[in-house]
């Protein structure tokens, strides 16, 4: 980003810039977004994030085990079903 005239030190700073919190994107915000995407493409930031995140997830899944993961999923589906019943007024 510095090569393009921006002072962001980290890959997520442009998207979280408080100057761009308005209801519509202006020319400065659009130009910043274009530069941000171009930088992310050149440096493969998204590819690196994806690769590292996927590796962490595989590691976590291996340590948890299939049986425990299925139990967690079943519990989560039960929680979601209960929440849906409450939200649609069928919790009786």
N, C-alpha and C. Protein backbone atom coordinates (compact mmCIF):
# COMPACT_ATOMS: atom_id res chain seq x y z
N UNK A 1 0.83 -1.20 0.00
CA UNK A 1 0.00 0.00 0.00
C UNK A 1 0.87 1.26 0.00
N UNK A 2 2.03 1.18 0.66
CA UNK A 2 2.91 2.36 0.71
C UNK A 2 3.34 2.75 -0.69
N UNK A 3 3.58 1.77 -1.56
CA UNK A 3 3.99 2.08 -2.93
C UNK A 3 2.88 2.78 -3.70
N UNK A 4 1.66 2.65 -3.24
CA UNK A 4 0.52 3.28 -3.90
C UNK A 4 0.08 4.56 -3.18
N UNK A 5 0.86 4.97 -2.18
CA UNK A 5 0.58 6.24 -1.51
C UNK A 5 -0.28 6.14 -0.26
N UNK A 6 -0.43 4.96 0.31
CA UNK A 6 -1.26 4.78 1.50
C UNK A 6 -0.39 4.41 2.69
N UNK A 7 -0.85 4.76 3.88
CA UNK A 7 -0.06 4.56 5.10
C UNK A 7 -0.61 3.44 5.97
N UNK A 8 -1.10 2.38 5.37
CA UNK A 8 -1.61 1.25 6.15
C UNK A 8 -0.46 0.27 6.37
N UNK A 9 -0.31 -0.18 7.61
CA UNK A 9 0.77 -1.10 7.95
C UNK A 9 0.35 -2.56 7.89
N UNK A 10 -0.93 -2.83 8.02
CA UNK A 10 -1.44 -4.20 8.08
C UNK A 10 -2.51 -4.41 7.02
N UNK A 11 -2.68 -5.64 6.52
CA UNK A 11 -3.61 -5.92 5.41
C UNK A 11 -5.08 -5.61 5.70
N UNK A 12 -5.48 -5.61 6.95
CA UNK A 12 -6.89 -5.37 7.28
C UNK A 12 -7.20 -3.90 7.61
N UNK A 13 -6.19 -3.04 7.64
CA UNK A 13 -6.42 -1.67 8.07
C UNK A 13 -7.23 -0.84 7.08
N UNK A 14 -7.02 -1.02 5.81
CA UNK A 14 -7.77 -0.21 4.83
C UNK A 14 -9.27 -0.48 4.93
N UNK A 15 -9.63 -1.74 5.04
CA UNK A 15 -11.06 -2.08 5.09
C UNK A 15 -11.72 -1.62 6.39
N UNK A 16 -10.91 -1.43 7.43
CA UNK A 16 -11.43 -0.99 8.73
C UNK A 16 -11.22 0.50 8.98
N UNK A 17 -10.80 1.24 7.98
CA UNK A 17 -10.53 2.67 8.14
C UNK A 17 -11.81 3.40 8.55
N UNK A 18 -11.77 4.10 9.66
CA UNK A 18 -12.94 4.81 10.18
C UNK A 18 -13.41 5.92 9.24
N UNK A 19 -12.54 6.38 8.37
CA UNK A 19 -12.93 7.42 7.41
C UNK A 19 -13.95 6.91 6.40
N UNK A 20 -14.09 5.60 6.29
CA UNK A 20 -14.98 5.02 5.27
C UNK A 20 -16.23 4.39 5.88
N UNK A 21 -16.77 4.98 6.90
CA UNK A 21 -17.94 4.41 7.56
C UNK A 21 -19.26 5.06 7.14
N UNK A 22 -19.22 5.86 6.10
CA UNK A 22 -20.43 6.54 5.65
C UNK A 22 -21.36 5.60 4.92
N UNK A 23 -22.54 6.06 4.58
CA UNK A 23 -23.52 5.21 3.91
C UNK A 23 -23.16 4.87 2.46
N UNK A 24 -22.33 5.70 1.83
CA UNK A 24 -21.94 5.46 0.44
C UNK A 24 -20.44 5.64 0.28
N UNK A 25 -19.86 4.88 -0.64
CA UNK A 25 -18.43 4.98 -0.91
C UNK A 25 -18.16 6.15 -1.84
N UNK A 26 -17.25 7.02 -1.43
CA UNK A 26 -16.85 8.15 -2.28
C UNK A 26 -15.62 7.78 -3.10
N UNK A 27 -15.14 8.71 -3.92
CA UNK A 27 -13.99 8.45 -4.78
C UNK A 27 -12.73 8.02 -4.02
N UNK A 28 -12.48 8.63 -2.88
CA UNK A 28 -11.30 8.26 -2.08
C UNK A 28 -11.40 6.84 -1.55
N UNK A 29 -12.57 6.47 -1.09
CA UNK A 29 -12.76 5.11 -0.57
C UNK A 29 -12.64 4.08 -1.69
N UNK A 30 -13.20 4.38 -2.84
CA UNK A 30 -13.12 3.46 -3.99
C UNK A 30 -11.67 3.30 -4.43
N UNK A 31 -10.94 4.40 -4.52
CA UNK A 31 -9.52 4.34 -4.91
C UNK A 31 -8.71 3.52 -3.91
N UNK A 32 -9.02 3.70 -2.63
CA UNK A 32 -8.32 2.94 -1.59
C UNK A 32 -8.64 1.45 -1.72
N UNK A 33 -9.90 1.13 -1.97
CA UNK A 33 -10.30 -0.27 -2.11
C UNK A 33 -9.62 -0.91 -3.32
N UNK A 34 -9.54 -0.19 -4.42
CA UNK A 34 -8.89 -0.71 -5.63
C UNK A 34 -7.41 -0.99 -5.34
N UNK A 35 -6.75 -0.05 -4.67
CA UNK A 35 -5.34 -0.23 -4.32
C UNK A 35 -5.16 -1.40 -3.35
N UNK A 36 -6.07 -1.51 -2.41
CA UNK A 36 -6.01 -2.59 -1.41
C UNK A 36 -6.11 -3.96 -2.08
N UNK A 37 -7.07 -4.09 -2.98
CA UNK A 37 -7.25 -5.37 -3.69
C UNK A 37 -6.02 -5.68 -4.55
N UNK A 38 -5.51 -4.67 -5.23
CA UNK A 38 -4.31 -4.87 -6.06
C UNK A 38 -3.13 -5.34 -5.21
N UNK A 39 -2.94 -4.74 -4.07
CA UNK A 39 -1.85 -5.14 -3.18
C UNK A 39 -2.04 -6.57 -2.67
N UNK A 40 -3.27 -6.87 -2.32
CA UNK A 40 -3.55 -8.22 -1.82
C UNK A 40 -3.32 -9.27 -2.90
N UNK A 41 -3.61 -8.93 -4.14
CA UNK A 41 -3.35 -9.86 -5.25
C UNK A 41 -1.86 -10.08 -5.43
N UNK A 42 -1.10 -8.99 -5.45
CA UNK A 42 0.35 -9.07 -5.68
C UNK A 42 1.05 -9.87 -4.57
N UNK A 43 0.63 -9.67 -3.34
CA UNK A 43 1.28 -10.33 -2.20
C UNK A 43 0.63 -11.65 -1.83
N UNK A 44 -0.48 -11.99 -2.50
CA UNK A 44 -1.21 -13.24 -2.23
C UNK A 44 -1.66 -13.36 -0.77
N UNK A 45 -2.05 -12.25 -0.19
CA UNK A 45 -2.46 -12.24 1.21
C UNK A 45 -3.62 -13.20 1.46
N UNK A 46 -4.63 -13.17 0.62
CA UNK A 46 -5.81 -14.02 0.82
C UNK A 46 -5.42 -15.49 0.70
N UNK A 47 -4.58 -15.82 -0.26
CA UNK A 47 -4.12 -17.20 -0.40
C UNK A 47 -3.36 -17.69 0.82
N UNK A 48 -2.51 -16.84 1.36
CA UNK A 48 -1.75 -17.19 2.56
C UNK A 48 -2.69 -17.35 3.74
N UNK A 49 -3.62 -16.38 3.91
CA UNK A 49 -4.59 -16.49 5.01
C UNK A 49 -5.36 -17.79 4.91
N UNK A 50 -5.85 -18.10 3.72
CA UNK A 50 -6.64 -19.31 3.52
C UNK A 50 -5.82 -20.56 3.87
N UNK A 51 -4.61 -20.62 3.37
CA UNK A 51 -3.76 -21.78 3.60
C UNK A 51 -3.48 -21.99 5.08
N UNK A 52 -3.13 -20.92 5.77
CA UNK A 52 -2.84 -21.02 7.20
C UNK A 52 -4.09 -21.37 7.99
N UNK A 53 -5.21 -20.71 7.68
CA UNK A 53 -6.46 -21.00 8.38
C UNK A 53 -6.89 -22.45 8.17
N UNK A 54 -6.80 -22.93 6.93
CA UNK A 54 -7.18 -24.32 6.64
C UNK A 54 -6.28 -25.29 7.40
N UNK A 55 -5.00 -24.99 7.49
CA UNK A 55 -4.07 -25.86 8.22
C UNK A 55 -4.44 -25.90 9.71
N UNK A 56 -4.75 -24.74 10.28
CA UNK A 56 -5.19 -24.70 11.68
C UNK A 56 -6.47 -25.52 11.88
N UNK A 57 -7.40 -25.39 10.95
CA UNK A 57 -8.66 -26.14 11.07
C UNK A 57 -8.42 -27.64 10.97
N UNK A 58 -7.56 -28.07 10.03
CA UNK A 58 -7.26 -29.50 9.91
C UNK A 58 -6.60 -30.02 11.18
N UNK A 59 -5.71 -29.22 11.74
CA UNK A 59 -5.03 -29.60 12.98
C UNK A 59 -6.03 -29.72 14.13
N UNK A 60 -6.95 -28.77 14.21
CA UNK A 60 -7.96 -28.81 15.26
C UNK A 60 -8.87 -30.02 15.10
N UNK A 61 -9.30 -30.28 13.87
CA UNK A 61 -10.17 -31.43 13.62
C UNK A 61 -9.47 -32.73 13.97
N UNK A 62 -8.21 -32.84 13.65
CA UNK A 62 -7.46 -34.05 13.96
C UNK A 62 -7.34 -34.25 15.47
N UNK A 63 -7.18 -33.16 16.21
CA UNK A 63 -7.03 -33.29 17.66
C UNK A 63 -8.37 -33.56 18.35
N UNK A 64 -9.46 -33.09 17.77
CA UNK A 64 -10.78 -33.31 18.36
C UNK A 64 -11.27 -34.72 18.10
N UNK A 65 -11.12 -35.19 16.89
CA UNK A 65 -11.59 -36.52 16.53
C UNK A 65 -12.98 -36.47 15.95
N UNK A 66 -13.27 -37.41 15.05
CA UNK A 66 -14.53 -37.43 14.32
C UNK A 66 -15.74 -37.58 15.24
N UNK A 67 -15.65 -38.48 16.21
CA UNK A 67 -16.80 -38.73 17.09
C UNK A 67 -17.17 -37.48 17.90
N UNK A 68 -16.18 -36.83 18.46
CA UNK A 68 -16.44 -35.62 19.25
C UNK A 68 -16.97 -34.50 18.36
N UNK A 69 -16.43 -34.38 17.16
CA UNK A 69 -16.89 -33.36 16.23
C UNK A 69 -18.35 -33.59 15.84
N UNK A 70 -18.73 -34.84 15.61
CA UNK A 70 -20.12 -35.15 15.29
C UNK A 70 -21.03 -34.81 16.47
N UNK A 71 -20.58 -35.07 17.70
CA UNK A 71 -21.37 -34.74 18.89
C UNK A 71 -21.55 -33.22 19.01
N UNK A 72 -20.48 -32.47 18.76
CA UNK A 72 -20.57 -31.00 18.80
C UNK A 72 -21.55 -30.51 17.74
N UNK A 73 -21.49 -31.07 16.54
CA UNK A 73 -22.41 -30.69 15.47
C UNK A 73 -23.86 -30.99 15.83
N UNK A 74 -24.10 -32.16 16.44
CA UNK A 74 -25.46 -32.53 16.84
C UNK A 74 -25.99 -31.56 17.90
N UNK A 75 -25.13 -31.22 18.85
CA UNK A 75 -25.54 -30.27 19.90
C UNK A 75 -25.84 -28.89 19.29
N UNK A 76 -25.00 -28.46 18.35
CA UNK A 76 -25.20 -27.16 17.71
C UNK A 76 -26.50 -27.14 16.92
N UNK A 77 -26.79 -28.22 16.20
CA UNK A 77 -28.06 -28.29 15.45
C UNK A 77 -29.26 -28.24 16.39
N UNK A 78 -29.15 -28.87 17.55
CA UNK A 78 -30.21 -28.82 18.55
C UNK A 78 -30.42 -27.40 19.08
N UNK A 79 -29.33 -26.70 19.32
CA UNK A 79 -29.41 -25.31 19.78
C UNK A 79 -30.06 -24.42 18.73
N UNK A 80 -29.68 -24.62 17.49
CA UNK A 80 -30.26 -23.81 16.41
C UNK A 80 -31.74 -24.11 16.23
N UNK A 81 -32.12 -25.37 16.35
CA UNK A 81 -33.54 -25.74 16.24
C UNK A 81 -34.35 -25.11 17.38
N UNK A 82 -33.81 -25.14 18.60
CA UNK A 82 -34.50 -24.53 19.74
C UNK A 82 -34.64 -23.02 19.55
N UNK A 83 -33.58 -22.39 19.07
CA UNK A 83 -33.64 -20.94 18.82
C UNK A 83 -34.68 -20.61 17.76
N UNK A 84 -34.74 -21.44 16.72
CA UNK A 84 -35.73 -21.19 15.67
C UNK A 84 -37.14 -21.34 16.20
N UNK A 85 -37.36 -22.34 17.06
CA UNK A 85 -38.71 -22.51 17.64
C UNK A 85 -39.10 -21.28 18.46
N UNK A 86 -38.17 -20.74 19.22
CA UNK A 86 -38.45 -19.55 20.03
C UNK A 86 -38.74 -18.35 19.12
N UNK A 87 -37.94 -18.20 18.09
CA UNK A 87 -38.10 -17.04 17.21
C UNK A 87 -39.41 -17.07 16.43
N UNK A 88 -39.90 -18.24 16.08
CA UNK A 88 -41.17 -18.31 15.35
C UNK A 88 -42.35 -18.53 16.28
N UNK A 89 -42.08 -18.52 17.60
CA UNK A 89 -43.17 -18.60 18.57
C UNK A 89 -43.74 -20.00 18.78
N UNK A 90 -42.95 -21.03 18.54
CA UNK A 90 -43.44 -22.40 18.70
C UNK A 90 -42.76 -23.10 19.86
N UNK A 91 -42.38 -22.35 20.86
CA UNK A 91 -41.70 -22.92 22.03
C UNK A 91 -42.73 -23.13 23.14
N UNK A 92 -43.45 -24.25 23.04
CA UNK A 92 -44.47 -24.51 24.07
C UNK A 92 -44.43 -25.93 24.52
